[in-house]
């Protein structure tokens, strides 16, 4: 898991499945997945198998902000061990290009860190 994503121990036990799921959800405007784009801030899986994801978008006018959280919830609920999910969209701290992963930078043709 990325160092800049806060994750609890229950969620960490599903790390590979969570990463694969996050990498399957794309920001349609930038054409990069939400994991490598750095939109995910926090993942918490509670004792009732509810997974809460705290995320942001590249800007407040992002057209996908209406549909992407629902797509993410649907995808998370397909993971064995997650019964239900929710997404909290936050605007602070604001997303910055420095959150894009090395792989994301290469994919987008931006100089890697």
PDB file of N, CA and C in Angstrom:
ATOM      1  N   UNK A   1       0.851  -1.179   0.000  1.00  0.00           N
ATOM      2  CA  UNK A   1       0.000   0.000   0.000  1.00  0.00           C
ATOM      3  C   UNK A   1       0.891   1.234   0.000  1.00  0.00           C
ATOM      4  N   UNK A   2       0.421   2.257  -0.644  1.00  0.00           N
ATOM      5  CA  UNK A   2       1.173   3.516  -0.684  1.00  0.00           C
ATOM      6  C   UNK A   2       1.376   4.050   0.736  1.00  0.00           C
ATOM      7  N   UNK A   3       2.513   4.703   0.943  1.00  0.00           N
ATOM      8  CA  UNK A   3       2.821   5.281   2.245  1.00  0.00           C
ATOM      9  C   UNK A   3       1.908   6.449   2.603  1.00  0.00           C
ATOM     10  N   UNK A   4       1.320   7.090   1.602  1.00  0.00           N
ATOM     11  CA  UNK A   4       0.494   8.267   1.868  1.00  0.00           C
ATOM     12  C   UNK A   4      -0.993   7.935   2.052  1.00  0.00           C
ATOM     13  N   UNK A   5      -1.308   6.654   2.179  1.00  0.00           N
ATOM     14  CA  UNK A   5      -2.682   6.232   2.450  1.00  0.00           C
ATOM     15  C   UNK A   5      -2.729   5.669   3.869  1.00  0.00           C
ATOM     16  N   UNK A   6      -3.585   6.257   4.700  1.00  0.00           N
ATOM     17  CA  UNK A   6      -3.780   5.754   6.059  1.00  0.00           C
ATOM     18  C   UNK A   6      -4.692   4.534   5.959  1.00  0.00           C
ATOM     19  N   UNK A   7      -4.256   3.401   6.532  1.00  0.00           N
ATOM     20  CA  UNK A   7      -5.023   2.162   6.441  1.00  0.00           C
ATOM     21  C   UNK A   7      -4.953   1.430   7.768  1.00  0.00           C
ATOM     22  N   UNK A   8      -6.097   0.904   8.220  1.00  0.00           N
ATOM     23  CA  UNK A   8      -6.081   0.167   9.473  1.00  0.00           C
ATOM     24  C   UNK A   8      -5.710  -1.297   9.233  1.00  0.00           C
ATOM     25  N   UNK A   9      -5.472  -2.023  10.316  1.00  0.00           N
ATOM     26  CA  UNK A   9      -4.983  -3.406  10.210  1.00  0.00           C
ATOM     27  C   UNK A   9      -5.962  -4.336   9.510  1.00  0.00           C
ATOM     28  N   UNK A  10      -7.260  -4.176   9.762  1.00  0.00           N
ATOM     29  CA  UNK A  10      -8.251  -5.043   9.096  1.00  0.00           C
ATOM     30  C   UNK A  10      -8.198  -4.851   7.580  1.00  0.00           C
ATOM     31  N   UNK A  11      -8.114  -3.612   7.152  1.00  0.00           N
ATOM     32  CA  UNK A  11      -8.043  -3.327   5.712  1.00  0.00           C
ATOM     33  C   UNK A  11      -6.710  -3.794   5.146  1.00  0.00           C
ATOM     34  N   UNK A  12      -5.650  -3.645   5.926  1.00  0.00           N
ATOM     35  CA  UNK A  12      -4.324  -4.058   5.466  1.00  0.00           C
ATOM     36  C   UNK A  12      -4.283  -5.558   5.164  1.00  0.00           C
ATOM     37  N   UNK A  13      -5.101  -6.331   5.857  1.00  0.00           N
ATOM     38  CA  UNK A  13      -5.170  -7.769   5.597  1.00  0.00           C
ATOM     39  C   UNK A  13      -5.715  -8.063   4.192  1.00  0.00           C
ATOM     40  N   UNK A  14      -6.425  -7.107   3.608  1.00  0.00           N
ATOM     41  CA  UNK A  14      -6.977  -7.251   2.251  1.00  0.00           C
ATOM     42  C   UNK A  14      -6.211  -6.392   1.246  1.00  0.00           C
ATOM     43  N   UNK A  15      -4.989  -6.033   1.590  1.00  0.00           N
ATOM     44  CA  UNK A  15      -4.200  -5.074   0.817  1.00  0.00           C
ATOM     45  C   UNK A  15      -4.166  -5.362  -0.681  1.00  0.00           C
ATOM     46  N   UNK A  16      -3.806  -6.564  -1.073  1.00  0.00           N
ATOM     47  CA  UNK A  16      -3.659  -6.836  -2.512  1.00  0.00           C
ATOM     48  C   UNK A  16      -4.989  -6.704  -3.249  1.00  0.00           C
ATOM     49  N   UNK A  17      -6.074  -7.141  -2.628  1.00  0.00           N
ATOM     50  CA  UNK A  17      -7.387  -7.014  -3.256  1.00  0.00           C
ATOM     51  C   UNK A  17      -7.822  -5.555  -3.329  1.00  0.00           C
ATOM     52  N   UNK A  18      -7.529  -4.804  -2.272  1.00  0.00           N
ATOM     53  CA  UNK A  18      -7.876  -3.385  -2.274  1.00  0.00           C
ATOM     54  C   UNK A  18      -7.113  -2.630  -3.360  1.00  0.00           C
ATOM     55  N   UNK A  19      -5.825  -2.892  -3.467  1.00  0.00           N
ATOM     56  CA  UNK A  19      -5.025  -2.218  -4.494  1.00  0.00           C
ATOM     57  C   UNK A  19      -5.555  -2.561  -5.878  1.00  0.00           C
ATOM     58  N   UNK A  20      -5.812  -3.840  -6.125  1.00  0.00           N
ATOM     59  CA  UNK A  20      -6.326  -4.251  -7.435  1.00  0.00           C
ATOM     60  C   UNK A  20      -7.651  -3.567  -7.741  1.00  0.00           C
ATOM     61  N   UNK A  21      -8.510  -3.437  -6.741  1.00  0.00           N
ATOM     62  CA  UNK A  21      -9.801  -2.778  -6.930  1.00  0.00           C
ATOM     63  C   UNK A  21      -9.612  -1.298  -7.226  1.00  0.00           C
ATOM     64  N   UNK A  22      -8.770  -0.627  -6.438  1.00  0.00           N
ATOM     65  CA  UNK A  22      -8.521   0.803  -6.652  1.00  0.00           C
ATOM     66  C   UNK A  22      -7.876   1.060  -8.015  1.00  0.00           C
ATOM     67  N   UNK A  23      -7.036   0.136  -8.453  1.00  0.00           N
ATOM     68  CA  UNK A  23      -6.396   0.288  -9.763  1.00  0.00           C
ATOM     69  C   UNK A  23      -7.354  -0.006 -10.915  1.00  0.00           C
ATOM     70  N   UNK A  24      -8.533  -0.537 -10.608  1.00  0.00           N
ATOM     71  CA  UNK A  24      -9.516  -0.824 -11.663  1.00  0.00           C
ATOM     72  C   UNK A  24     -10.507   0.326 -11.871  1.00  0.00           C
ATOM     73  N   UNK A  25     -10.456   1.332 -11.006  1.00  0.00           N
ATOM     74  CA  UNK A  25     -11.361   2.480 -11.096  1.00  0.00           C
ATOM     75  C   UNK A  25     -10.577   3.666 -11.647  1.00  0.00           C
ATOM     76  N   UNK A  26     -11.019   4.169 -12.792  1.00  0.00           N
ATOM     77  CA  UNK A  26     -10.277   5.229 -13.486  1.00  0.00           C
ATOM     78  C   UNK A  26     -10.978   6.579 -13.421  1.00  0.00           C
ATOM     79  N   UNK A  27     -10.172   7.618 -13.299  1.00  0.00           N
ATOM     80  CA  UNK A  27     -10.654   8.982 -13.489  1.00  0.00           C
ATOM     81  C   UNK A  27     -10.749   9.145 -15.009  1.00  0.00           C
ATOM     82  N   UNK A  28     -11.958   9.275 -15.563  1.00  0.00           N
ATOM     83  CA  UNK A  28     -12.115   9.296 -17.014  1.00  0.00           C
ATOM     84  C   UNK A  28     -11.495  10.512 -17.700  1.00  0.00           C
ATOM     85  N   UNK A  29     -11.321  11.599 -16.968  1.00  0.00           N
ATOM     86  CA  UNK A  29     -10.753  12.799 -17.573  1.00  0.00           C
ATOM     87  C   UNK A  29      -9.235  12.692 -17.706  1.00  0.00           C
ATOM     88  N   UNK A  30      -8.604  12.054 -16.735  1.00  0.00           N
ATOM     89  CA  UNK A  30      -7.138  11.958 -16.739  1.00  0.00           C
ATOM     90  C   UNK A  30      -6.672  10.611 -17.280  1.00  0.00           C
ATOM     91  N   UNK A  31      -7.581   9.622 -17.285  1.00  0.00           N
ATOM     92  CA  UNK A  31      -7.282   8.284 -17.781  1.00  0.00           C
ATOM     93  C   UNK A  31      -6.169   7.606 -16.979  1.00  0.00           C
ATOM     94  N   UNK A  32      -6.287   7.739 -15.663  1.00  0.00           N
ATOM     95  CA  UNK A  32      -5.389   7.058 -14.745  1.00  0.00           C
ATOM     96  C   UNK A  32      -6.240   6.579 -13.578  1.00  0.00           C
ATOM     97  N   UNK A  33      -5.857   5.434 -13.009  1.00  0.00           N
ATOM     98  CA  UNK A  33      -6.641   4.885 -11.907  1.00  0.00           C
ATOM     99  C   UNK A  33      -6.506   5.742 -10.645  1.00  0.00           C
ATOM    100  N   UNK A  34      -7.496   5.631  -9.776  1.00  0.00           N
ATOM    101  CA  UNK A  34      -7.562   6.486  -8.589  1.00  0.00           C
ATOM    102  C   UNK A  34      -6.460   6.171  -7.580  1.00  0.00           C
ATOM    103  N   UNK A  35      -5.919   4.960  -7.610  1.00  0.00           N
ATOM    104  CA  UNK A  35      -4.823   4.595  -6.704  1.00  0.00           C
ATOM    105  C   UNK A  35      -3.540   5.314  -7.104  1.00  0.00           C
ATOM    106  N   UNK A  36      -3.142   5.173  -8.354  1.00  0.00           N
ATOM    107  CA  UNK A  36      -1.903   5.795  -8.825  1.00  0.00           C
ATOM    108  C   UNK A  36      -2.026   7.299  -9.004  1.00  0.00           C
ATOM    109  N   UNK A  37      -3.245   7.781  -9.163  1.00  0.00           N
ATOM    110  CA  UNK A  37      -3.468   9.218  -9.253  1.00  0.00           C
ATOM    111  C   UNK A  37      -3.345   9.888  -7.875  1.00  0.00           C
ATOM    112  N   UNK A  38      -3.461   9.083  -6.823  1.00  0.00           N
ATOM    113  CA  UNK A  38      -3.295   9.616  -5.469  1.00  0.00           C
ATOM    114  C   UNK A  38      -4.557  10.231  -4.895  1.00  0.00           C
ATOM    115  N   UNK A  39      -5.714   9.748  -5.333  1.00  0.00           N
ATOM    116  CA  UNK A  39      -6.973  10.303  -4.852  1.00  0.00           C
ATOM    117  C   UNK A  39      -7.421   9.693  -3.528  1.00  0.00           C
ATOM    118  N   UNK A  40      -6.819   8.587  -3.126  1.00  0.00           N
ATOM    119  CA  UNK A  40      -7.222   7.890  -1.902  1.00  0.00           C
ATOM    120  C   UNK A  40      -6.371   8.366  -0.733  1.00  0.00           C
ATOM    121  N   UNK A  41      -7.034   8.792   0.336  1.00  0.00           N
ATOM    122  CA  UNK A  41      -6.342   9.263   1.542  1.00  0.00           C
ATOM    123  C   UNK A  41      -6.380   8.249   2.677  1.00  0.00           C
ATOM    124  N   UNK A  42      -7.484   7.507   2.779  1.00  0.00           N
ATOM    125  CA  UNK A  42      -7.647   6.630   3.944  1.00  0.00           C
ATOM    126  C   UNK A  42      -8.572   5.463   3.609  1.00  0.00           C
ATOM    127  N   UNK A  43      -8.261   4.286   4.202  1.00  0.00           N
ATOM    128  CA  UNK A  43      -9.112   3.108   4.070  1.00  0.00           C
ATOM    129  C   UNK A  43      -9.272   2.507   5.463  1.00  0.00           C
ATOM    130  N   UNK A  44     -10.523   2.312   5.869  1.00  0.00           N
ATOM    131  CA  UNK A  44     -10.803   1.755   7.187  1.00  0.00           C
ATOM    132  C   UNK A  44     -11.834   0.645   7.034  1.00  0.00           C
ATOM    133  N   UNK A  45     -11.500  -0.536   7.532  1.00  0.00           N
ATOM    134  CA  UNK A  45     -12.427  -1.665   7.526  1.00  0.00           C
ATOM    135  C   UNK A  45     -12.775  -1.966   8.974  1.00  0.00           C
ATOM    136  N   UNK A  46     -14.064  -1.859   9.318  1.00  0.00           N
ATOM    137  CA  UNK A  46     -14.439  -2.065  10.719  1.00  0.00           C
ATOM    138  C   UNK A  46     -14.806  -3.521  11.002  1.00  0.00           C
ATOM    139  N   UNK A  47     -15.133  -3.803  12.265  1.00  0.00           N
ATOM    140  CA  UNK A  47     -15.438  -5.168  12.705  1.00  0.00           C
ATOM    141  C   UNK A  47     -16.729  -5.710  12.099  1.00  0.00           C
ATOM    142  N   UNK A  48     -17.544  -4.858  11.506  1.00  0.00           N
ATOM    143  CA  UNK A  48     -18.775  -5.286  10.841  1.00  0.00           C
ATOM    144  C   UNK A  48     -18.597  -5.442   9.337  1.00  0.00           C
ATOM    145  N   UNK A  49     -17.345  -5.438   8.878  1.00  0.00           N
ATOM    146  CA  UNK A  49     -16.998  -5.594   7.455  1.00  0.00           C
ATOM    147  C   UNK A  49     -17.467  -4.417   6.605  1.00  0.00           C
ATOM    148  N   UNK A  50     -17.569  -3.243   7.227  1.00  0.00           N
ATOM    149  CA  UNK A  50     -17.881  -2.012   6.498  1.00  0.00           C
ATOM    150  C   UNK A  50     -16.565  -1.313   6.163  1.00  0.00           C
ATOM    151  N   UNK A  51     -16.354  -1.050   4.894  1.00  0.00           N
ATOM    152  CA  UNK A  51     -15.122  -0.399   4.434  1.00  0.00           C
ATOM    153  C   UNK A  51     -15.425   1.056   4.093  1.00  0.00           C
ATOM    154  N   UNK A  52     -14.750   1.957   4.784  1.00  0.00           N
ATOM    155  CA  UNK A  52     -14.896   3.380   4.508  1.00  0.00           C
ATOM    156  C   UNK A  52     -13.634   3.869   3.814  1.00  0.00           C
ATOM    157  N   UNK A  53     -13.821   4.540   2.693  1.00  0.00           N
ATOM    158  CA  UNK A  53     -12.704   5.113   1.948  1.00  0.00           C
ATOM    159  C   UNK A  53     -12.846   6.633   1.953  1.00  0.00           C
ATOM    160  N   UNK A  54     -11.786   7.310   2.324  1.00  0.00           N
ATOM    161  CA  UNK A  54     -11.737   8.767   2.263  1.00  0.00           C
ATOM    162  C   UNK A  54     -10.921   9.126   1.028  1.00  0.00           C
ATOM    163  N   UNK A  55     -11.506   9.928   0.174  1.00  0.00           N
ATOM    164  CA  UNK A  55     -10.829  10.266  -1.079  1.00  0.00           C
ATOM    165  C   UNK A  55     -11.112  11.715  -1.465  1.00  0.00           C
ATOM    166  N   UNK A  56     -10.419  12.146  -2.472  1.00  0.00           N
ATOM    167  CA  UNK A  56     -10.622  13.478  -3.019  1.00  0.00           C
ATOM    168  C   UNK A  56     -10.672  13.380  -4.540  1.00  0.00           C
ATOM    169  N   UNK A  57     -10.750  14.509  -5.185  1.00  0.00           N
ATOM    170  CA  UNK A  57     -10.674  14.588  -6.644  1.00  0.00           C
ATOM    171  C   UNK A  57      -9.646  15.647  -7.002  1.00  0.00           C
ATOM    172  N   UNK A  58      -9.251  15.659  -8.254  1.00  0.00           N
ATOM    173  CA  UNK A  58      -8.217  16.604  -8.681  1.00  0.00           C
ATOM    174  C   UNK A  58      -8.693  18.041  -8.577  1.00  0.00           C
ATOM    175  N   UNK A  59     -10.004  18.274  -8.741  1.00  0.00           N
ATOM    176  CA  UNK A  59     -10.567  19.603  -8.515  1.00  0.00           C
ATOM    177  C   UNK A  59     -12.067  19.482  -8.254  1.00  0.00           C
ATOM    178  N   UNK A  60     -12.645  20.507  -7.675  1.00  0.00           N
ATOM    179  CA  UNK A  60     -14.055  20.476  -7.283  1.00  0.00           C
ATOM    180  C   UNK A  60     -14.998  20.338  -8.475  1.00  0.00           C
ATOM    181  N   UNK A  61     -14.562  20.711  -9.660  1.00  0.00           N
ATOM    182  CA  UNK A  61     -15.403  20.633 -10.845  1.00  0.00           C
ATOM    183  C   UNK A  61     -15.286  19.312 -11.591  1.00  0.00           C
ATOM    184  N   UNK A  62     -14.642  18.342 -11.002  1.00  0.00           N
ATOM    185  CA  UNK A  62     -14.431  17.052 -11.658  1.00  0.00           C
ATOM    186  C   UNK A  62     -15.787  16.411 -11.979  1.00  0.00           C
ATOM    187  N   UNK A  63     -16.024  16.143 -13.248  1.00  0.00           N
ATOM    188  CA  UNK A  63     -17.304  15.590 -13.691  1.00  0.00           C
ATOM    189  C   UNK A  63     -17.589  14.212 -13.101  1.00  0.00           C
ATOM    190  N   UNK A  64     -16.548  13.461 -12.788  1.00  0.00           N
ATOM    191  CA  UNK A  64     -16.744  12.100 -12.288  1.00  0.00           C
ATOM    192  C   UNK A  64     -17.053  12.056 -10.796  1.00  0.00           C
ATOM    193  N   UNK A  65     -17.080  13.201 -10.125  1.00  0.00           N
ATOM    194  CA  UNK A  65     -17.318  13.220  -8.679  1.00  0.00           C
ATOM    195  C   UNK A  65     -18.721  12.728  -8.312  1.00  0.00           C
ATOM    196  N   UNK A  66     -19.623  12.728  -9.266  1.00  0.00           N
ATOM    197  CA  UNK A  66     -20.984  12.240  -9.013  1.00  0.00           C
ATOM    198  C   UNK A  66     -21.077  10.720  -9.150  1.00  0.00           C
ATOM    199  N   UNK A  67     -20.328  10.129 -10.062  1.00  0.00           N
ATOM    200  CA  UNK A  67     -20.473   8.703 -10.353  1.00  0.00           C
ATOM    201  C   UNK A  67     -19.363   7.832  -9.769  1.00  0.00           C
ATOM    202  N   UNK A  68     -18.170   8.352  -9.677  1.00  0.00           N
ATOM    203  CA  UNK A  68     -17.034   7.544  -9.254  1.00  0.00           C
ATOM    204  C   UNK A  68     -17.183   6.962  -7.847  1.00  0.00           C
ATOM    205  N   UNK A  69     -17.670   7.709  -6.840  1.00  0.00           N
ATOM    206  CA  UNK A  69     -17.844   7.087  -5.517  1.00  0.00           C
ATOM    207  C   UNK A  69     -18.763   5.863  -5.545  1.00  0.00           C
ATOM    208  N   UNK A  70     -19.833   5.927  -6.290  1.00  0.00           N
ATOM    209  CA  UNK A  70     -20.731   4.778  -6.415  1.00  0.00           C
ATOM    210  C   UNK A  70     -20.064   3.599  -7.087  1.00  0.00           C
ATOM    211  N   UNK A  71     -19.287   3.869  -8.126  1.00  0.00           N
ATOM    212  CA  UNK A  71     -18.542   2.804  -8.807  1.00  0.00           C
ATOM    213  C   UNK A  71     -17.553   2.147  -7.840  1.00  0.00           C
ATOM    214  N   UNK A  72     -16.904   2.966  -7.018  1.00  0.00           N
ATOM    215  CA  UNK A  72     -15.943   2.444  -6.054  1.00  0.00           C
ATOM    216  C   UNK A  72     -16.641   1.586  -5.003  1.00  0.00           C
ATOM    217  N   UNK A  73     -17.771   2.032  -4.497  1.00  0.00           N
ATOM    218  CA  UNK A  73     -18.521   1.257  -3.510  1.00  0.00           C
ATOM    219  C   UNK A  73     -18.915  -0.099  -4.084  1.00  0.00           C
ATOM    220  N   UNK A  74     -19.432  -0.109  -5.302  1.00  0.00           N
ATOM    221  CA  UNK A  74     -19.815  -1.368  -5.947  1.00  0.00           C
ATOM    222  C   UNK A  74     -18.626  -2.314  -6.077  1.00  0.00           C
ATOM    223  N   UNK A  75     -17.486  -1.781  -6.455  1.00  0.00           N
ATOM    224  CA  UNK A  75     -16.280  -2.600  -6.629  1.00  0.00           C
ATOM    225  C   UNK A  75     -15.769  -3.128  -5.291  1.00  0.00           C
ATOM    226  N   UNK A  76     -15.790  -2.306  -4.264  1.00  0.00           N
ATOM    227  CA  UNK A  76     -15.317  -2.730  -2.941  1.00  0.00           C
ATOM    228  C   UNK A  76     -16.169  -3.862  -2.381  1.00  0.00           C
ATOM    229  N   UNK A  77     -17.472  -3.817  -2.606  1.00  0.00           N
ATOM    230  CA  UNK A  77     -18.374  -4.840  -2.068  1.00  0.00           C
ATOM    231  C   UNK A  77     -18.165  -6.199  -2.731  1.00  0.00           C
ATOM    232  N   UNK A  78     -17.418  -6.256  -3.814  1.00  0.00           N
ATOM    233  CA  UNK A  78     -17.105  -7.531  -4.471  1.00  0.00           C
ATOM    234  C   UNK A  78     -15.921  -8.235  -3.807  1.00  0.00           C
ATOM    235  N   UNK A  79     -15.218  -7.530  -2.927  1.00  0.00           N
ATOM    236  CA  UNK A  79     -14.072  -8.116  -2.233  1.00  0.00           C
ATOM    237  C   UNK A  79     -14.582  -8.989  -1.090  1.00  0.00           C
ATOM    238  N   UNK A  80     -14.112 -10.225  -1.036  1.00  0.00           N
ATOM    239  CA  UNK A  80     -14.468 -11.131   0.044  1.00  0.00           C
ATOM    240  C   UNK A  80     -13.945 -10.553   1.357  1.00  0.00           C
ATOM    241  N   UNK A  81     -14.833 -10.338   2.309  1.00  0.00           N
ATOM    242  CA  UNK A  81     -14.445  -9.728   3.577  1.00  0.00           C
ATOM    243  C   UNK A  81     -14.997  -8.323   3.741  1.00  0.00           C
ATOM    244  N   UNK A  82     -15.563  -7.779   2.663  1.00  0.00           N
ATOM    245  CA  UNK A  82     -16.211  -6.467   2.734  1.00  0.00           C
ATOM    246  C   UNK A  82     -17.689  -6.674   2.419  1.00  0.00           C
ATOM    247  N   UNK A  83     -18.530  -6.394   3.424  1.00  0.00           N
ATOM    248  CA  UNK A  83     -19.969  -6.559   3.258  1.00  0.00           C
ATOM    249  C   UNK A  83     -20.628  -5.309   2.691  1.00  0.00           C
ATOM    250  N   UNK A  84     -20.133  -4.148   3.125  1.00  0.00           N
ATOM    251  CA  UNK A  84     -20.695  -2.889   2.666  1.00  0.00           C
ATOM    252  C   UNK A  84     -19.576  -1.862   2.638  1.00  0.00           C
ATOM    253  N   UNK A  85     -19.807  -0.765   1.946  1.00  0.00           N
ATOM    254  CA  UNK A  85     -18.761   0.250   1.810  1.00  0.00           C
ATOM    255  C   UNK A  85     -19.373   1.626   1.677  1.00  0.00           C
ATOM    256  N   UNK A  86     -18.563   2.612   1.987  1.00  0.00           N
ATOM    257  CA  UNK A  86     -18.959   4.002   1.839  1.00  0.00           C
ATOM    258  C   UNK A  86     -17.755   4.826   1.444  1.00  0.00           C
ATOM    259  N   UNK A  87     -18.018   5.931   0.789  1.00  0.00           N
ATOM    260  CA  UNK A  87     -16.951   6.832   0.352  1.00  0.00           C
ATOM    261  C   UNK A  87     -17.228   8.213   0.921  1.00  0.00           C
ATOM    262  N   UNK A  88     -16.217   8.786   1.550  1.00  0.00           N
ATOM    263  CA  UNK A  88     -16.292  10.163   2.031  1.00  0.00           C
ATOM    264  C   UNK A  88     -15.378  10.998   1.139  1.00  0.00           C
ATOM    265  N   UNK A  89     -15.948  11.984   0.476  1.00  0.00           N
ATOM    266  CA  UNK A  89     -15.161  12.873  -0.383  1.00  0.00           C
ATOM    267  C   UNK A  89     -14.770  14.093   0.440  1.00  0.00           C
ATOM    268  N   UNK A  90     -13.477  14.376   0.459  1.00  0.00           N
ATOM    269  CA  UNK A  90     -12.967  15.536   1.193  1.00  0.00           C
ATOM    270  C   UNK A  90     -12.203  16.451   0.230  1.00  0.00           C
ATOM    271  N   UNK A  91     -12.097  17.689   0.603  1.00  0.00           N
ATOM    272  CA  UNK A  91     -11.371  18.662  -0.230  1.00  0.00           C
ATOM    273  C   UNK A  91     -10.145  19.212   0.490  1.00  0.00           C
ATOM    274  N   UNK A  92      -9.947  18.758   1.717  1.00  0.00           N
ATOM    275  CA  UNK A  92      -8.789  19.179   2.482  1.00  0.00           C
ATOM    276  C   UNK A  92      -8.172  17.946   3.122  1.00  0.00           C
ATOM    277  N   UNK A  93      -6.912  17.687   2.896  1.00  0.00           N
ATOM    278  CA  UNK A  93      -6.002  18.525   2.117  1.00  0.00           C
ATOM    279  C   UNK A  93      -6.312  18.426   0.624  1.00  0.00           C
ATOM    280  N   UNK A  94      -6.045  19.495  -0.050  1.00  0.00           N
ATOM    281  CA  UNK A  94      -6.283  19.538  -1.490  1.00  0.00           C
ATOM    282  C   UNK A  94      -5.328  18.587  -2.208  1.00  0.00           C
ATOM    283  N   UNK A  95      -5.839  17.962  -3.275  1.00  0.00           N
ATOM    284  CA  UNK A  95      -5.006  17.080  -4.084  1.00  0.00           C
ATOM    285  C   UNK A  95      -3.928  17.902  -4.779  1.00  0.00           C
ATOM    286  N   UNK A  96      -2.735  17.319  -4.876  1.00  0.00           N
ATOM    287  CA  UNK A  96      -1.622  17.948  -5.594  1.00  0.00           C
ATOM    288  C   UNK A  96      -0.998  16.932  -6.530  1.00  0.00           C
ATOM    289  N   UNK A  97      -0.392  17.400  -7.577  1.00  0.00           N
ATOM    290  CA  UNK A  97       0.252  16.498  -8.542  1.00  0.00           C
ATOM    291  C   UNK A  97       1.322  15.630  -7.897  1.00  0.00           C
ATOM    292  N   UNK A  98       1.883  16.063  -6.801  1.00  0.00           N
ATOM    293  CA  UNK A  98       2.913  15.272  -6.119  1.00  0.00           C
ATOM    294  C   UNK A  98       2.353  13.966  -5.567  1.00  0.00           C
ATOM    295  N   UNK A  99       1.032  13.828  -5.500  1.00  0.00           N
ATOM    296  CA  UNK A  99       0.420  12.578  -5.026  1.00  0.00           C
ATOM    297  C   UNK A  99       0.408  11.498  -6.100  1.00  0.00           C
ATOM    298  N   UNK A 100       0.668  11.849  -7.342  1.00  0.00           N
ATOM    299  CA  UNK A 100       0.698  10.851  -8.411  1.00  0.00           C
ATOM    300  C   UNK A 100       1.897   9.937  -8.185  1.00  0.00           C
ATOM    301  N   UNK A 101       1.657   8.628  -8.246  1.00  0.00           N
ATOM    302  CA  UNK A 101       2.717   7.647  -8.025  1.00  0.00           C
ATOM    303  C   UNK A 101       3.739   7.688  -9.170  1.00  0.00           C
ATOM    304  N   UNK A 102       4.863   7.048  -8.939  1.00  0.00           N
ATOM    305  CA  UNK A 102       5.901   6.956  -9.977  1.00  0.00           C
ATOM    306  C   UNK A 102       5.336   6.288 -11.229  1.00  0.00           C
ATOM    307  N   UNK A 103       4.612   5.178 -11.036  1.00  0.00           N
ATOM    308  CA  UNK A 103       3.990   4.483 -12.169  1.00  0.00           C
ATOM    309  C   UNK A 103       3.002   5.401 -12.890  1.00  0.00           C
ATOM    310  N   UNK A 104       2.221   6.152 -12.114  1.00  0.00           N
ATOM    311  CA  UNK A 104       1.263   7.091 -12.687  1.00  0.00           C
ATOM    312  C   UNK A 104       1.942   8.158 -13.505  1.00  0.00           C
ATOM    313  N   UNK A 105       3.059   8.665 -13.001  1.00  0.00           N
ATOM    314  CA  UNK A 105       3.811   9.692 -13.717  1.00  0.00           C
ATOM    315  C   UNK A 105       4.339   9.145 -15.041  1.00  0.00           C
ATOM    316  N   UNK A 106       4.848   7.938 -15.004  1.00  0.00           N
ATOM    317  CA  UNK A 106       5.351   7.312 -16.233  1.00  0.00           C
ATOM    318  C   UNK A 106       4.214   7.117 -17.225  1.00  0.00           C
ATOM    319  N   UNK A 107       3.078   6.627 -16.727  1.00  0.00           N
ATOM    320  CA  UNK A 107       1.900   6.405 -17.579  1.00  0.00           C
ATOM    321  C   UNK A 107       1.428   7.684 -18.249  1.00  0.00           C
ATOM    322  N   UNK A 108       1.458   8.793 -17.488  1.00  0.00           N
ATOM    323  CA  UNK A 108       0.981  10.062 -18.008  1.00  0.00           C
ATOM    324  C   UNK A 108       2.065  10.839 -18.781  1.00  0.00           C
ATOM    325  N   UNK A 109       3.269  10.300 -18.800  1.00  0.00           N
ATOM    326  CA  UNK A 109       4.359  10.984 -19.511  1.00  0.00           C
ATOM    327  C   UNK A 109       4.921  12.152 -18.741  1.00  0.00           C
ATOM    328  N   UNK A 110       4.756  12.118 -17.404  1.00  0.00           N
ATOM    329  CA  UNK A 110       5.311  13.155 -16.532  1.00  0.00           C
ATOM    330  C   UNK A 110       6.628  12.624 -15.980  1.00  0.00           C
ATOM    331  N   UNK A 111       7.591  13.494 -15.811  1.00  0.00           N
ATOM    332  CA  UNK A 111       8.880  13.082 -15.280  1.00  0.00           C
ATOM    333  C   UNK A 111       8.709  12.407 -13.917  1.00  0.00           C
ATOM    334  N   UNK A 112       9.216  11.168 -13.783  1.00  0.00           N
ATOM    335  CA  UNK A 112       9.113  10.472 -12.477  1.00  0.00           C
ATOM    336  C   UNK A 112       9.888  11.221 -11.409  1.00  0.00           C
ATOM    337  N   UNK A 113       9.474  11.049 -10.178  1.00  0.00           N
ATOM    338  CA  UNK A 113      10.145  11.704  -9.053  1.00  0.00           C
ATOM    339  C   UNK A 113      11.574  11.244  -8.951  1.00  0.00           C
TER     340      UNK A 113
END
